[in-house]
Amino acid sequence: MRLALKEAEKASNEAEVPVGAVLVVDGEVVVSARNTRETAFDPTGHAELSAIREGAQKLKRWRLTDGTLYVTKEPCPMCAGAMINARLGRLVYGCGDVKGGAVANLYHLLSDSRLNHQVEVVSGVLEDECGQLLKRFFAERRGNKEDKE
């Protein structure tokens, strides 16, 4: 998760929403990624999608059943859908997303038994650090000094 946080910090420095993701297989980092929507002008430029896409290409397979994806923030519906389609084995994320989370807050896509695959989920890892990075980022955008602390 610390590597994902470093990617999120890089994203923040690039004026991207600070979300980072790291794909791990057999204890080895396959790929690290961060949000690139603003810099790439790509609405699908989410850290999770980049990590899944690049990881699958690097591994030369689309099924990631032995993979663990570490993400700093609860994934959105698009990213959760990609995890299901990639047959991801496990998701570990930091802070929840009450406005767009598709794992535990708004939807429960990764545990929906009606779908053809479920993903093991661990949440709350480095939750405070992940949440504070996002909070600071948006406070700076709004100019709200109280939220920066």
N, C-alpha and C. Protein backbone atom coordinates (compact mmCIF):
# COMPACT_ATOMS: atom_id res chain seq x y z
N MET A 1 0.83 -1.20 0.00
CA MET A 1 0.00 0.00 0.00
C MET A 1 0.87 1.26 0.00
N ARG A 2 2.05 1.14 0.61
CA ARG A 2 2.96 2.30 0.61
C ARG A 2 3.36 2.68 -0.81
N LEU A 3 3.57 1.68 -1.67
CA LEU A 3 3.91 1.97 -3.07
C LEU A 3 2.74 2.64 -3.78
N ALA A 4 1.53 2.20 -3.49
CA ALA A 4 0.34 2.83 -4.07
C ALA A 4 0.22 4.28 -3.60
N LEU A 5 0.53 4.52 -2.33
CA LEU A 5 0.51 5.90 -1.81
C LEU A 5 1.54 6.77 -2.52
N LYS A 6 2.71 6.23 -2.83
CA LYS A 6 3.72 7.00 -3.57
C LYS A 6 3.21 7.36 -4.96
N GLU A 7 2.52 6.44 -5.60
CA GLU A 7 1.92 6.72 -6.91
C GLU A 7 0.85 7.80 -6.77
N ALA A 8 0.06 7.73 -5.72
CA ALA A 8 -0.99 8.73 -5.49
C ALA A 8 -0.37 10.12 -5.28
N GLU A 9 0.74 10.17 -4.57
CA GLU A 9 1.43 11.45 -4.37
C GLU A 9 1.95 12.00 -5.69
N LYS A 10 2.46 11.14 -6.56
CA LYS A 10 2.91 11.57 -7.89
C LYS A 10 1.72 12.13 -8.67
N ALA A 11 0.59 11.47 -8.59
CA ALA A 11 -0.61 11.94 -9.27
C ALA A 11 -1.00 13.33 -8.77
N SER A 12 -0.96 13.51 -7.46
CA SER A 12 -1.28 14.81 -6.87
C SER A 12 -0.35 15.90 -7.39
N ASN A 13 0.93 15.59 -7.51
CA ASN A 13 1.91 16.55 -8.02
C ASN A 13 1.68 16.89 -9.48
N GLU A 14 0.94 16.03 -10.19
CA GLU A 14 0.62 16.25 -11.60
C GLU A 14 -0.79 16.82 -11.76
N ALA A 15 -1.39 17.30 -10.66
CA ALA A 15 -2.75 17.86 -10.64
C ALA A 15 -3.81 16.83 -10.99
N GLU A 16 -3.51 15.57 -10.68
CA GLU A 16 -4.46 14.48 -10.86
C GLU A 16 -5.05 14.15 -9.50
N VAL A 17 -6.27 13.64 -9.46
CA VAL A 17 -6.82 13.16 -8.21
C VAL A 17 -5.87 12.08 -7.70
N PRO A 18 -5.40 12.22 -6.45
CA PRO A 18 -4.35 11.33 -5.95
C PRO A 18 -4.80 9.92 -5.60
N VAL A 19 -4.82 9.09 -6.63
CA VAL A 19 -5.12 7.68 -6.44
C VAL A 19 -3.99 6.89 -7.09
N GLY A 20 -3.48 5.91 -6.35
CA GLY A 20 -2.42 5.04 -6.85
C GLY A 20 -2.84 3.59 -6.73
N ALA A 21 -2.24 2.76 -7.60
CA ALA A 21 -2.54 1.33 -7.60
C ALA A 21 -1.28 0.54 -7.89
N VAL A 22 -1.18 -0.63 -7.27
CA VAL A 22 -0.04 -1.53 -7.48
C VAL A 22 -0.58 -2.94 -7.62
N LEU A 23 -0.19 -3.61 -8.71
CA LEU A 23 -0.58 -5.01 -8.93
C LEU A 23 0.57 -5.90 -8.50
N VAL A 24 0.25 -6.87 -7.64
CA VAL A 24 1.24 -7.81 -7.11
C VAL A 24 0.81 -9.24 -7.44
N VAL A 25 1.75 -10.05 -7.94
CA VAL A 25 1.52 -11.46 -8.21
C VAL A 25 2.68 -12.24 -7.60
N ASP A 26 2.35 -13.25 -6.83
CA ASP A 26 3.37 -14.08 -6.18
C ASP A 26 4.37 -13.25 -5.37
N GLY A 27 3.88 -12.23 -4.70
CA GLY A 27 4.73 -11.41 -3.85
C GLY A 27 5.62 -10.42 -4.59
N GLU A 28 5.50 -10.36 -5.90
CA GLU A 28 6.32 -9.46 -6.72
C GLU A 28 5.45 -8.35 -7.33
N VAL A 29 5.95 -7.13 -7.30
CA VAL A 29 5.24 -6.02 -7.93
C VAL A 29 5.33 -6.19 -9.45
N VAL A 30 4.19 -6.26 -10.09
CA VAL A 30 4.13 -6.38 -11.55
C VAL A 30 4.13 -5.00 -12.18
N VAL A 31 3.31 -4.11 -11.61
CA VAL A 31 3.19 -2.76 -12.16
C VAL A 31 2.64 -1.80 -11.10
N SER A 32 3.06 -0.55 -11.20
CA SER A 32 2.52 0.53 -10.37
C SER A 32 1.89 1.55 -11.31
N ALA A 33 0.80 2.17 -10.87
CA ALA A 33 0.10 3.13 -11.73
C ALA A 33 -0.56 4.21 -10.89
N ARG A 34 -0.95 5.27 -11.54
CA ARG A 34 -1.65 6.38 -10.89
C ARG A 34 -2.67 6.96 -11.86
N ASN A 35 -3.55 7.79 -11.33
CA ASN A 35 -4.54 8.45 -12.18
C ASN A 35 -3.85 9.32 -13.23
N THR A 36 -4.40 9.29 -14.44
CA THR A 36 -3.86 10.10 -15.55
C THR A 36 -4.96 10.73 -16.38
N ARG A 37 -6.14 10.88 -15.82
CA ARG A 37 -7.26 11.43 -16.59
C ARG A 37 -6.96 12.82 -17.15
N GLU A 38 -6.41 13.69 -16.31
CA GLU A 38 -6.15 15.07 -16.72
C GLU A 38 -5.00 15.17 -17.71
N THR A 39 -3.89 14.49 -17.42
CA THR A 39 -2.71 14.62 -18.27
C THR A 39 -2.87 13.87 -19.59
N ALA A 40 -3.62 12.78 -19.60
CA ALA A 40 -3.81 12.00 -20.82
C ALA A 40 -5.11 12.33 -21.54
N PHE A 41 -5.92 13.22 -20.94
CA PHE A 41 -7.23 13.56 -21.51
C PHE A 41 -8.04 12.29 -21.77
N ASP A 42 -8.06 11.42 -20.76
CA ASP A 42 -8.67 10.10 -20.89
C ASP A 42 -9.62 9.84 -19.74
N PRO A 43 -10.91 9.77 -19.99
CA PRO A 43 -11.87 9.53 -18.92
C PRO A 43 -11.69 8.17 -18.24
N THR A 44 -11.00 7.25 -18.89
CA THR A 44 -10.75 5.94 -18.29
C THR A 44 -9.37 5.87 -17.64
N GLY A 45 -8.70 6.99 -17.50
CA GLY A 45 -7.35 7.03 -16.95
C GLY A 45 -7.29 6.88 -15.44
N HIS A 46 -7.96 5.88 -14.92
CA HIS A 46 -7.93 5.59 -13.49
C HIS A 46 -6.74 4.68 -13.18
N ALA A 47 -6.18 4.84 -12.01
CA ALA A 47 -5.01 4.05 -11.60
C ALA A 47 -5.28 2.55 -11.69
N GLU A 48 -6.46 2.13 -11.26
CA GLU A 48 -6.80 0.71 -11.26
C GLU A 48 -6.81 0.15 -12.68
N LEU A 49 -7.44 0.88 -13.61
CA LEU A 49 -7.51 0.38 -14.99
C LEU A 49 -6.13 0.31 -15.61
N SER A 50 -5.31 1.31 -15.35
CA SER A 50 -3.95 1.30 -15.88
C SER A 50 -3.17 0.11 -15.34
N ALA A 51 -3.28 -0.15 -14.05
CA ALA A 51 -2.56 -1.27 -13.44
C ALA A 51 -3.03 -2.60 -14.00
N ILE A 52 -4.33 -2.77 -14.15
CA ILE A 52 -4.88 -4.01 -14.71
C ILE A 52 -4.43 -4.18 -16.16
N ARG A 53 -4.58 -3.15 -16.96
CA ARG A 53 -4.22 -3.21 -18.38
C ARG A 53 -2.73 -3.50 -18.57
N GLU A 54 -1.90 -2.71 -17.91
CA GLU A 54 -0.45 -2.88 -18.05
C GLU A 54 0.02 -4.20 -17.46
N GLY A 55 -0.58 -4.60 -16.35
CA GLY A 55 -0.21 -5.86 -15.73
C GLY A 55 -0.56 -7.05 -16.62
N ALA A 56 -1.73 -7.05 -17.21
CA ALA A 56 -2.14 -8.12 -18.10
C ALA A 56 -1.22 -8.21 -19.31
N GLN A 57 -0.84 -7.05 -19.85
CA GLN A 57 0.08 -7.04 -20.99
C GLN A 57 1.46 -7.57 -20.59
N LYS A 58 1.92 -7.17 -19.45
CA LYS A 58 3.24 -7.61 -18.98
C LYS A 58 3.25 -9.12 -18.70
N LEU A 59 2.16 -9.61 -18.10
CA LEU A 59 2.05 -11.04 -17.78
C LEU A 59 1.63 -11.88 -18.99
N LYS A 60 1.17 -11.19 -20.05
CA LYS A 60 0.70 -11.86 -21.27
C LYS A 60 -0.50 -12.78 -21.02
N ARG A 61 -1.42 -12.26 -20.18
CA ARG A 61 -2.67 -12.97 -19.91
C ARG A 61 -3.66 -11.98 -19.31
N TRP A 62 -4.93 -12.21 -19.57
CA TRP A 62 -5.93 -11.29 -19.03
C TRP A 62 -6.52 -11.76 -17.71
N ARG A 63 -6.40 -13.02 -17.40
CA ARG A 63 -6.93 -13.52 -16.13
C ARG A 63 -5.90 -13.27 -15.02
N LEU A 64 -6.33 -12.53 -14.01
CA LEU A 64 -5.44 -12.15 -12.91
C LEU A 64 -5.89 -12.77 -11.60
N THR A 65 -6.29 -14.03 -11.64
CA THR A 65 -6.83 -14.69 -10.45
C THR A 65 -5.81 -14.80 -9.32
N ASP A 66 -4.53 -14.77 -9.66
CA ASP A 66 -3.49 -14.84 -8.64
C ASP A 66 -2.96 -13.46 -8.26
N GLY A 67 -3.63 -12.43 -8.74
CA GLY A 67 -3.17 -11.06 -8.49
C GLY A 67 -3.87 -10.39 -7.32
N THR A 68 -3.12 -9.52 -6.66
CA THR A 68 -3.67 -8.63 -5.63
C THR A 68 -3.44 -7.22 -6.11
N LEU A 69 -4.50 -6.43 -6.12
CA LEU A 69 -4.41 -5.02 -6.51
C LEU A 69 -4.54 -4.17 -5.26
N TYR A 70 -3.52 -3.38 -4.98
CA TYR A 70 -3.53 -2.44 -3.87
C TYR A 70 -3.91 -1.07 -4.43
N VAL A 71 -4.94 -0.45 -3.86
CA VAL A 71 -5.44 0.83 -4.35
C VAL A 71 -5.68 1.73 -3.15
N THR A 72 -5.36 3.01 -3.30
CA THR A 72 -5.49 3.94 -2.17
C THR A 72 -6.92 4.32 -1.85
N LYS A 73 -7.83 4.19 -2.81
CA LYS A 73 -9.22 4.60 -2.59
C LYS A 73 -10.16 3.53 -3.14
N GLU A 74 -11.30 3.39 -2.51
CA GLU A 74 -12.32 2.44 -2.96
C GLU A 74 -12.63 2.66 -4.45
N PRO A 75 -12.57 1.62 -5.25
CA PRO A 75 -12.80 1.75 -6.69
C PRO A 75 -14.23 2.14 -7.06
N CYS A 76 -14.32 2.80 -8.21
CA CYS A 76 -15.59 3.21 -8.79
C CYS A 76 -16.22 2.02 -9.54
N PRO A 77 -17.44 2.16 -10.06
CA PRO A 77 -18.07 1.06 -10.80
C PRO A 77 -17.27 0.60 -12.02
N MET A 78 -16.68 1.55 -12.75
CA MET A 78 -15.90 1.18 -13.93
C MET A 78 -14.71 0.30 -13.54
N CYS A 79 -13.99 0.70 -12.51
CA CYS A 79 -12.81 -0.04 -12.08
C CYS A 79 -13.19 -1.38 -11.45
N ALA A 80 -14.25 -1.40 -10.66
CA ALA A 80 -14.71 -2.65 -10.07
C ALA A 80 -15.12 -3.62 -11.18
N GLY A 81 -15.77 -3.11 -12.22
CA GLY A 81 -16.14 -3.95 -13.36
C GLY A 81 -14.92 -4.54 -14.05
N ALA A 82 -13.87 -3.75 -14.19
CA ALA A 82 -12.64 -4.25 -14.80
C ALA A 82 -12.01 -5.34 -13.94
N MET A 83 -12.12 -5.21 -12.63
CA MET A 83 -11.58 -6.23 -11.72
C MET A 83 -12.32 -7.55 -11.89
N ILE A 84 -13.63 -7.46 -12.03
CA ILE A 84 -14.43 -8.66 -12.26
C ILE A 84 -14.06 -9.28 -13.60
N ASN A 85 -13.97 -8.47 -14.64
CA ASN A 85 -13.63 -8.98 -15.97
C ASN A 85 -12.24 -9.57 -16.03
N ALA A 86 -11.31 -9.06 -15.22
CA ALA A 86 -9.94 -9.58 -15.18
C ALA A 86 -9.83 -10.79 -14.25
N ARG A 87 -10.93 -11.14 -13.58
CA ARG A 87 -10.93 -12.24 -12.62
C ARG A 87 -9.90 -12.02 -11.52
N LEU A 88 -9.77 -10.75 -11.10
CA LEU A 88 -8.80 -10.41 -10.06
C LEU A 88 -9.05 -11.26 -8.82
N GLY A 89 -7.97 -11.70 -8.19
CA GLY A 89 -8.09 -12.54 -7.01
C GLY A 89 -8.42 -11.75 -5.75
N ARG A 90 -7.76 -10.61 -5.59
CA ARG A 90 -7.91 -9.89 -4.33
C ARG A 90 -7.70 -8.40 -4.54
N LEU A 91 -8.51 -7.60 -3.85
CA LEU A 91 -8.38 -6.15 -3.82
C LEU A 91 -8.10 -5.73 -2.38
N VAL A 92 -7.09 -4.88 -2.23
CA VAL A 92 -6.80 -4.27 -0.93
C VAL A 92 -6.85 -2.77 -1.15
N TYR A 93 -7.73 -2.08 -0.42
CA TYR A 93 -7.80 -0.63 -0.61
C TYR A 93 -7.74 0.11 0.71
N GLY A 94 -7.39 1.40 0.59
CA GLY A 94 -7.21 2.25 1.76
C GLY A 94 -8.51 2.83 2.27
N CYS A 95 -8.90 3.96 1.74
CA CYS A 95 -10.08 4.66 2.26
C CYS A 95 -11.30 4.42 1.36
N GLY A 96 -12.46 4.52 1.98
CA GLY A 96 -13.71 4.36 1.25
C GLY A 96 -14.04 5.61 0.45
N ASP A 97 -15.01 5.47 -0.43
CA ASP A 97 -15.49 6.59 -1.26
C ASP A 97 -17.01 6.63 -1.18
N VAL A 98 -17.53 7.51 -0.31
CA VAL A 98 -18.97 7.56 -0.09
C VAL A 98 -19.74 8.11 -1.29
N LYS A 99 -19.06 8.80 -2.19
CA LYS A 99 -19.73 9.38 -3.36
C LYS A 99 -19.66 8.50 -4.60
N GLY A 100 -18.70 7.59 -4.66
CA GLY A 100 -18.55 6.80 -5.88
C GLY A 100 -18.07 5.39 -5.69
N GLY A 101 -17.96 4.93 -4.45
CA GLY A 101 -17.42 3.61 -4.20
C GLY A 101 -18.34 2.48 -4.62
N ALA A 102 -17.78 1.54 -5.38
CA ALA A 102 -18.58 0.43 -5.89
C ALA A 102 -18.23 -0.90 -5.23
N VAL A 103 -17.50 -0.84 -4.11
CA VAL A 103 -17.10 -2.06 -3.41
C VAL A 103 -17.86 -2.21 -2.10
N ALA A 104 -18.04 -1.10 -1.38
CA ALA A 104 -18.70 -1.18 -0.07
C ALA A 104 -19.67 -0.04 0.20
N ASN A 105 -19.46 1.11 -0.41
CA ASN A 105 -20.30 2.27 -0.06
C ASN A 105 -21.58 2.37 -0.87
N LEU A 106 -21.49 2.65 -2.15
CA LEU A 106 -22.71 2.79 -2.96
C LEU A 106 -23.18 1.45 -3.52
N TYR A 107 -22.23 0.66 -3.96
CA TYR A 107 -22.53 -0.64 -4.56
C TYR A 107 -21.62 -1.69 -3.93
N HIS A 108 -21.94 -2.94 -4.18
CA HIS A 108 -21.14 -4.06 -3.68
C HIS A 108 -20.82 -4.99 -4.84
N LEU A 109 -20.27 -4.43 -5.91
CA LEU A 109 -20.07 -5.18 -7.14
C LEU A 109 -19.14 -6.38 -6.97
N LEU A 110 -18.08 -6.24 -6.20
CA LEU A 110 -17.10 -7.32 -6.11
C LEU A 110 -17.57 -8.53 -5.31
N SER A 111 -18.66 -8.37 -4.58
CA SER A 111 -19.20 -9.49 -3.80
C SER A 111 -20.59 -9.91 -4.28
N ASP A 112 -21.03 -9.38 -5.40
CA ASP A 112 -22.36 -9.68 -5.93
C ASP A 112 -22.39 -11.09 -6.52
N SER A 113 -23.12 -11.98 -5.90
CA SER A 113 -23.16 -13.38 -6.33
C SER A 113 -23.88 -13.56 -7.67
N ARG A 114 -24.57 -12.54 -8.14
CA ARG A 114 -25.24 -12.63 -9.44
C ARG A 114 -24.25 -12.52 -10.59
N LEU A 115 -23.05 -12.01 -10.29
CA LEU A 115 -22.03 -11.86 -11.33
C LEU A 115 -21.18 -13.13 -11.41
N ASN A 116 -20.43 -13.26 -12.50
CA ASN A 116 -19.69 -14.50 -12.74
C ASN A 116 -18.38 -14.61 -11.97
N HIS A 117 -18.02 -13.59 -11.21
CA HIS A 117 -16.77 -13.64 -10.44
C HIS A 117 -16.90 -12.73 -9.23
N GLN A 118 -16.37 -13.16 -8.11
CA GLN A 118 -16.29 -12.32 -6.91
C GLN A 118 -14.82 -12.15 -6.56
N VAL A 119 -14.51 -10.99 -5.99
CA VAL A 119 -13.14 -10.65 -5.65
C VAL A 119 -13.04 -10.56 -4.13
N GLU A 120 -12.03 -11.18 -3.56
CA GLU A 120 -11.77 -11.04 -2.13
C GLU A 120 -11.39 -9.59 -1.87
N VAL A 121 -11.92 -9.00 -0.80
CA VAL A 121 -11.68 -7.58 -0.51
C VAL A 121 -11.17 -7.40 0.91
N VAL A 122 -10.13 -6.57 1.03
CA VAL A 122 -9.63 -6.13 2.32
C VAL A 122 -9.65 -4.60 2.26
N SER A 123 -10.28 -3.97 3.22
CA SER A 123 -10.39 -2.51 3.20
C SER A 123 -9.76 -1.90 4.45
N GLY A 124 -9.50 -0.60 4.37
CA GLY A 124 -9.02 0.14 5.54
C GLY A 124 -7.53 0.08 5.77
N VAL A 125 -6.75 -0.40 4.81
CA VAL A 125 -5.30 -0.48 4.97
C VAL A 125 -4.70 0.90 4.74
N LEU A 126 -4.02 1.42 5.75
CA LEU A 126 -3.48 2.80 5.73
C LEU A 126 -4.59 3.80 5.40
N GLU A 127 -5.76 3.53 5.93
CA GLU A 127 -6.95 4.32 5.63
C GLU A 127 -6.76 5.81 5.90
N ASP A 128 -6.19 6.16 7.06
CA ASP A 128 -6.02 7.57 7.41
C ASP A 128 -5.08 8.28 6.44
N GLU A 129 -3.96 7.65 6.11
CA GLU A 129 -3.01 8.27 5.19
C GLU A 129 -3.61 8.45 3.80
N CYS A 130 -4.30 7.44 3.33
CA CYS A 130 -4.94 7.53 2.01
C CYS A 130 -6.01 8.62 1.99
N GLY A 131 -6.82 8.65 3.03
CA GLY A 131 -7.88 9.66 3.12
C GLY A 131 -7.34 11.07 3.26
N GLN A 132 -6.29 11.24 4.06
CA GLN A 132 -5.71 12.57 4.25
C GLN A 132 -5.12 13.12 2.96
N LEU A 133 -4.51 12.28 2.17
CA LEU A 133 -3.95 12.73 0.89
C LEU A 133 -5.05 13.27 -0.01
N LEU A 134 -6.16 12.58 -0.08
CA LEU A 134 -7.30 13.06 -0.89
C LEU A 134 -7.89 14.33 -0.30
N LYS A 135 -8.05 14.35 1.01
CA LYS A 135 -8.63 15.52 1.67
C LYS A 135 -7.78 16.77 1.42
N ARG A 136 -6.46 16.63 1.55
CA ARG A 136 -5.56 17.77 1.30
C ARG A 136 -5.64 18.24 -0.15
N PHE A 137 -5.67 17.29 -1.06
CA PHE A 137 -5.74 17.61 -2.48
C PHE A 137 -6.97 18.47 -2.79
N PHE A 138 -8.12 18.02 -2.33
CA PHE A 138 -9.35 18.76 -2.62
C PHE A 138 -9.44 20.05 -1.83
N ALA A 139 -8.90 20.10 -0.63
CA ALA A 139 -8.89 21.34 0.15
C ALA A 139 -8.05 22.40 -0.57
N GLU A 140 -6.94 22.01 -1.14
CA GLU A 140 -6.10 22.96 -1.87
C GLU A 140 -6.83 23.47 -3.11
N ARG A 141 -7.60 22.61 -3.75
CA ARG A 141 -8.36 23.03 -4.94
C ARG A 141 -9.45 24.02 -4.56
N ARG A 142 -10.04 23.83 -3.37
CA ARG A 142 -11.11 24.72 -2.90
C ARG A 142 -10.58 25.92 -2.13
N GLY A 143 -9.31 25.85 -1.72
CA GLY A 143 -8.75 26.94 -0.93
C GLY A 143 -9.20 26.91 0.52
N ASN A 144 -9.62 25.75 1.00
CA ASN A 144 -10.12 25.60 2.36
C ASN A 144 -8.96 25.24 3.30
N LYS A 145 -8.49 26.20 4.05
CA LYS A 145 -7.32 26.01 4.91
C LYS A 145 -7.58 25.00 6.03
N GLU A 146 -8.82 24.94 6.54
CA GLU A 146 -9.12 24.05 7.66
C GLU A 146 -8.93 22.59 7.26
N ASP A 147 -9.27 22.22 6.03
CA ASP A 147 -9.17 20.84 5.59
C ASP A 147 -7.74 20.41 5.30
N LYS A 148 -6.82 21.34 5.17
CA LYS A 148 -5.44 21.02 4.81
C LYS A 148 -4.67 20.39 5.96
N GLU A 149 -5.13 20.61 7.16
CA GLU A 149 -4.39 20.12 8.33
C GLU A 149 -4.68 18.70 8.66
